[in-house]
């Protein structure tokens, strides 16, 4: 498949995010890099999200509707299927980017000559104000390291689609933590993810966020070790304990 060279396709799944999504869209509009297209996928919202998306539709911004709610994995996979750019990035409807995020990460990806890059990020409150808690990331991470530490945030990733097959970029459905499961399947195939240790994204914490129910997230991660990675019980517990340690440390 031939994609537009140097075009970054940004996919944003949207579900009942009328309170936040306009700010996320403006983060993209305010990027110093302008080699992007924005793909907004409404995942069966029942609030005013779709009306907000339609206000911005046109030019470099395209809006799609899933019809009924199918979940973030399905929405991202659908958006990826519509993407025309060689490079792929994800943004969430309730999170934010620094204005130089795309420019700095795109240059980093090209300089490293890598297929998979991610960045550091900072936490924010519900109002979007940064709270000074920065998550630093390693210079690179492989499969076994990623199993121990789910430090790769969805809103920080960028992929070169000419180097990574589409089948590896497909997010599995029906699992809690479909994003981490995707990074694992890419890294398990032999790729290395390279980290740009700058807080270029802002992760908003609020009760309605996808990871708001912490116990479901925690238990879902253990299930991924067993069901997605097919690890033994002993190996699953080992990686699970490592995951818990790093998850708690990130949030302190």
Protein backbone atom coordinates (compact mmCIF):
# COMPACT_ATOMS: atom_id res chain seq x y z
CA UNK A 1 0.00 0.00 0.00
CA UNK A 2 1.24 3.49 -0.86
CA UNK A 3 0.77 6.24 1.70
CA UNK A 4 1.44 9.96 1.45
CA UNK A 5 5.09 10.51 2.30
CA UNK A 6 5.76 12.54 5.47
CA UNK A 7 2.04 12.87 6.25
CA UNK A 8 1.14 12.09 9.87
CA UNK A 9 -2.32 10.60 10.32
CA UNK A 10 -3.73 11.35 13.77
CA UNK A 11 -6.58 9.09 14.88
CA UNK A 12 -8.85 10.18 17.73
CA UNK A 13 -11.64 7.91 19.05
CA UNK A 14 -14.45 9.98 20.54
CA UNK A 15 -17.14 8.74 22.90
CA UNK A 16 -19.21 11.15 25.00
CA UNK A 17 -16.35 13.61 25.26
CA UNK A 18 -18.17 16.88 24.63
CA UNK A 19 -16.52 18.41 27.68
CA UNK A 20 -12.97 17.85 26.39
CA UNK A 21 -12.78 17.07 22.69
CA UNK A 22 -12.70 20.64 21.40
CA UNK A 23 -9.56 21.32 23.42
CA UNK A 24 -7.95 18.15 22.00
CA UNK A 25 -8.74 19.29 18.45
CA UNK A 26 -7.28 22.71 19.11
CA UNK A 27 -4.07 21.06 20.31
CA UNK A 28 -3.70 19.54 16.86
CA UNK A 29 -4.60 22.77 15.09
CA UNK A 30 -1.93 24.56 17.11
CA UNK A 31 0.91 22.20 16.19
CA UNK A 32 4.09 23.78 14.84
CA UNK A 33 4.23 20.94 12.31
CA UNK A 34 1.50 21.09 9.70
CA UNK A 35 2.12 17.82 7.84
CA UNK A 36 -0.89 16.09 9.41
CA UNK A 37 -4.43 14.93 8.85
CA UNK A 38 -6.87 14.51 11.73
CA UNK A 39 -9.28 11.57 11.71
CA UNK A 40 -12.04 11.90 14.31
CA UNK A 41 -14.05 8.72 14.89
CA UNK A 42 -17.29 9.14 16.81
CA UNK A 43 -17.91 5.85 18.58
CA UNK A 44 -21.67 6.13 19.07
CA UNK A 45 -21.67 9.18 21.35
CA UNK A 46 -24.98 10.04 22.99
CA UNK A 47 -23.99 13.57 24.07
CA UNK A 48 -23.06 16.54 21.90
CA UNK A 49 -19.65 15.22 20.81
CA UNK A 50 -20.60 14.61 17.18
CA UNK A 51 -21.97 18.12 16.75
CA UNK A 52 -18.64 19.51 17.99
CA UNK A 53 -16.70 17.29 15.59
CA UNK A 54 -18.84 18.41 12.65
CA UNK A 55 -17.92 22.04 13.36
CA UNK A 56 -14.31 21.26 12.51
CA UNK A 57 -14.88 18.90 9.58
CA UNK A 58 -13.24 19.86 6.31
CA UNK A 59 -9.80 20.27 4.79
CA UNK A 60 -7.32 18.28 6.89
CA UNK A 61 -9.98 17.11 9.33
CA UNK A 62 -12.26 14.18 8.57
CA UNK A 63 -15.12 12.91 10.75
CA UNK A 64 -16.45 9.35 10.75
CA UNK A 65 -19.27 7.67 12.68
CA UNK A 66 -19.20 4.12 14.01
CA UNK A 67 -22.99 4.05 14.49
CA UNK A 68 -23.07 2.17 17.80
CA UNK A 69 -20.47 2.17 20.54
CA UNK A 70 -17.83 -0.51 19.83
CA UNK A 71 -14.95 0.61 22.05
CA UNK A 72 -11.67 2.41 21.59
CA UNK A 73 -9.86 -0.48 19.87
CA UNK A 74 -12.52 -0.74 17.15
CA UNK A 75 -12.62 3.03 16.70
CA UNK A 76 -8.84 3.28 16.40
CA UNK A 77 -8.71 0.38 13.97
CA UNK A 78 -11.41 1.97 11.84
CA UNK A 79 -9.59 5.31 11.87
CA UNK A 80 -6.32 3.64 10.95
CA UNK A 81 -8.07 2.09 7.97
CA UNK A 82 -9.02 5.57 6.76
CA UNK A 83 -5.54 7.02 7.31
CA UNK A 84 -3.63 8.22 4.25
CA UNK A 85 -0.34 9.10 5.94
CA UNK A 86 2.79 6.99 6.14
CA UNK A 87 3.07 7.92 9.81
CA UNK A 88 0.44 7.15 12.44
CA UNK A 89 -0.20 8.83 15.79
CA UNK A 90 -2.98 8.49 18.36
CA UNK A 91 -4.60 11.18 20.45
CA UNK A 92 -7.41 10.73 22.96
CA UNK A 93 -10.42 13.02 23.06
CA UNK A 94 -9.74 14.08 26.64
CA UNK A 95 -5.97 14.50 26.54
CA UNK A 96 -3.63 17.22 25.29
CA UNK A 97 -0.44 17.77 23.33
CA UNK A 98 2.30 20.38 23.56
CA UNK A 99 2.41 22.55 20.44
CA UNK A 100 5.75 21.03 19.35
CA UNK A 101 4.75 17.41 19.92
CA UNK A 102 4.42 16.32 16.30
CA UNK A 103 7.41 18.31 15.04
CA UNK A 104 9.83 17.07 17.69
CA UNK A 105 8.66 13.46 17.57
CA UNK A 106 8.64 13.32 13.77
CA UNK A 107 12.22 14.60 13.66
CA UNK A 108 13.20 12.10 16.36
CA UNK A 109 11.65 9.22 14.42
CA UNK A 110 13.49 10.21 11.25
CA UNK A 111 16.81 10.76 13.02
CA UNK A 112 16.64 7.35 14.71
CA UNK A 113 15.43 5.68 11.53
CA UNK A 114 13.08 3.66 13.72
CA UNK A 115 9.57 2.34 13.18
CA UNK A 116 8.13 2.98 16.66
CA UNK A 117 8.68 6.05 18.84
CA UNK A 118 7.06 7.32 22.03
CA UNK A 119 7.56 10.28 24.36
CA UNK A 120 7.36 11.27 27.97
CA UNK A 121 4.21 12.86 29.31
CA UNK A 122 2.84 14.85 32.20
CA UNK A 123 -0.25 14.36 34.32
CA UNK A 124 -2.96 16.99 34.60
CA UNK A 125 -6.14 17.47 36.56
CA UNK A 126 -9.63 17.44 35.09
CA UNK A 127 -9.21 21.09 34.08
CA UNK A 128 -6.19 20.23 31.94
CA UNK A 129 -3.74 22.13 34.14
CA UNK A 130 -0.39 20.31 34.38
CA UNK A 131 0.43 19.23 37.93
CA UNK A 132 4.20 18.88 37.54
CA UNK A 133 4.19 15.07 37.70
CA UNK A 134 6.27 14.04 34.67
CA UNK A 135 6.62 10.45 33.47
CA UNK A 136 10.11 9.94 32.10
CA UNK A 137 10.72 7.25 29.51
CA UNK A 138 13.75 5.08 28.65
CA UNK A 139 15.85 5.65 25.53
CA UNK A 140 14.52 2.40 24.11
CA UNK A 141 12.40 -0.52 25.19
CA UNK A 142 12.03 -4.09 23.97
CA UNK A 143 9.38 -6.75 24.47
CA UNK A 144 10.37 -8.10 27.90
CA UNK A 145 10.99 -4.60 29.26
CA UNK A 146 7.55 -3.51 28.02
CA UNK A 147 5.90 -6.43 29.80
CA UNK A 148 7.37 -5.18 33.06
CA UNK A 149 6.59 -1.52 32.55
CA UNK A 150 3.56 -0.16 30.68
CA UNK A 151 5.20 3.25 30.38
CA UNK A 152 4.23 3.72 26.71
CA UNK A 153 1.15 5.93 26.69
CA UNK A 154 -1.18 5.79 23.69
CA UNK A 155 -1.17 9.56 23.23
CA UNK A 156 2.62 9.57 22.85
CA UNK A 157 3.18 6.97 20.13
CA UNK A 158 4.13 7.41 16.46
CA UNK A 159 4.62 4.62 13.92
CA UNK A 160 6.15 4.32 10.46
CA UNK A 161 3.61 2.23 8.53
CA UNK A 162 6.08 1.35 5.83
CA UNK A 163 8.17 -0.47 8.42
CA UNK A 164 5.47 -2.06 10.58
CA UNK A 165 2.86 -4.34 8.94
CA UNK A 166 -0.77 -3.30 9.39
CA UNK A 167 -1.57 -6.62 11.06
CA UNK A 168 0.76 -5.69 13.94
CA UNK A 169 -0.80 -2.25 14.29
CA UNK A 170 -4.29 -3.74 14.63
CA UNK A 171 -5.54 -3.36 18.19
CA UNK A 172 -7.11 -6.49 19.70
CA UNK A 173 -10.71 -6.08 20.82
CA UNK A 174 -12.31 -7.49 23.91
CA UNK A 175 -9.34 -6.90 26.21
CA UNK A 176 -8.75 -4.32 28.88
CA UNK A 177 -5.58 -2.47 27.87
CA UNK A 178 -5.79 -2.98 24.13
CA UNK A 179 -3.12 -0.33 23.64
CA UNK A 180 -0.46 -2.14 25.72
CA UNK A 181 -1.42 -5.41 24.04
CA UNK A 182 -0.71 -3.74 20.68
CA UNK A 183 2.71 -2.47 21.75
CA UNK A 184 3.54 -5.97 22.99
CA UNK A 185 2.61 -7.65 19.72
CA UNK A 186 4.75 -5.16 17.79
CA UNK A 187 7.74 -5.57 20.10
CA UNK A 188 7.32 -9.34 20.25
CA UNK A 189 7.77 -9.35 16.47
CA UNK A 190 11.29 -7.98 16.96
CA UNK A 191 10.83 -4.21 16.82
CA UNK A 192 12.30 -1.80 19.37
CA UNK A 193 10.45 1.28 20.62
CA UNK A 194 12.57 4.43 21.01
CA UNK A 195 11.73 6.94 23.71
CA UNK A 196 12.00 10.72 23.46
CA UNK A 197 12.22 11.74 27.10
CA UNK A 198 10.31 15.01 26.87
CA UNK A 199 6.81 15.61 28.32
CA UNK A 200 5.18 16.45 24.98
CA UNK A 201 1.78 15.03 25.91
CA UNK A 202 -0.57 15.72 28.81
CA UNK A 203 -2.58 12.90 30.36
CA UNK A 204 -5.74 14.23 31.98
CA UNK A 205 -6.95 12.41 35.09
CA UNK A 206 -10.67 12.38 35.72
CA UNK A 207 -13.27 9.94 36.96
CA UNK A 208 -14.70 9.23 33.49
CA UNK A 209 -11.35 8.46 31.82
CA UNK A 210 -10.84 5.07 30.18
CA UNK A 211 -8.50 4.04 33.00
CA UNK A 212 -10.70 5.53 35.73
CA UNK A 213 -11.56 2.16 37.30
CA UNK A 214 -8.15 1.21 38.62
CA UNK A 215 -9.08 -2.29 39.77
CA UNK A 216 -10.38 -3.23 36.32
CA UNK A 217 -7.18 -1.90 34.77
CA UNK A 218 -5.00 -3.86 37.20
CA UNK A 219 -6.89 -7.13 36.79
CA UNK A 220 -7.12 -6.59 33.03
CA UNK A 221 -3.34 -6.35 32.80
CA UNK A 222 -2.90 -9.73 34.49
CA UNK A 223 -5.45 -11.25 32.12
CA UNK A 224 -3.51 -9.87 29.16
CA UNK A 225 -0.38 -11.71 30.29
CA UNK A 226 -2.35 -14.94 30.38
CA UNK A 227 -4.73 -14.52 27.44
CA UNK A 228 -2.91 -12.25 24.95
CA UNK A 229 0.70 -13.23 25.62
CA UNK A 230 -0.12 -16.79 26.75
CA UNK A 231 2.45 -16.65 29.52
CA UNK A 232 2.60 -19.25 32.27
CA UNK A 233 1.07 -18.47 35.64
CA UNK A 234 4.53 -17.99 37.16
CA UNK A 235 5.72 -15.68 34.37
CA UNK A 236 2.45 -13.75 34.46
CA UNK A 237 2.79 -13.11 38.19
CA UNK A 238 6.40 -12.05 37.76
CA UNK A 239 5.59 -9.47 35.09
CA UNK A 240 2.44 -8.45 36.96
CA UNK A 241 4.39 -7.57 40.11
CA UNK A 242 6.89 -5.59 38.01
CA UNK A 243 3.99 -3.80 36.31
CA UNK A 244 2.40 -2.87 39.64
CA UNK A 245 5.69 -1.49 40.96
CA UNK A 246 6.21 0.77 37.95
CA UNK A 247 2.54 1.80 37.76
CA UNK A 248 2.51 2.93 41.39
CA UNK A 249 5.85 4.74 41.02
CA UNK A 250 4.57 6.68 37.98
CA UNK A 251 1.63 8.00 39.95
CA UNK A 252 3.40 8.97 43.18
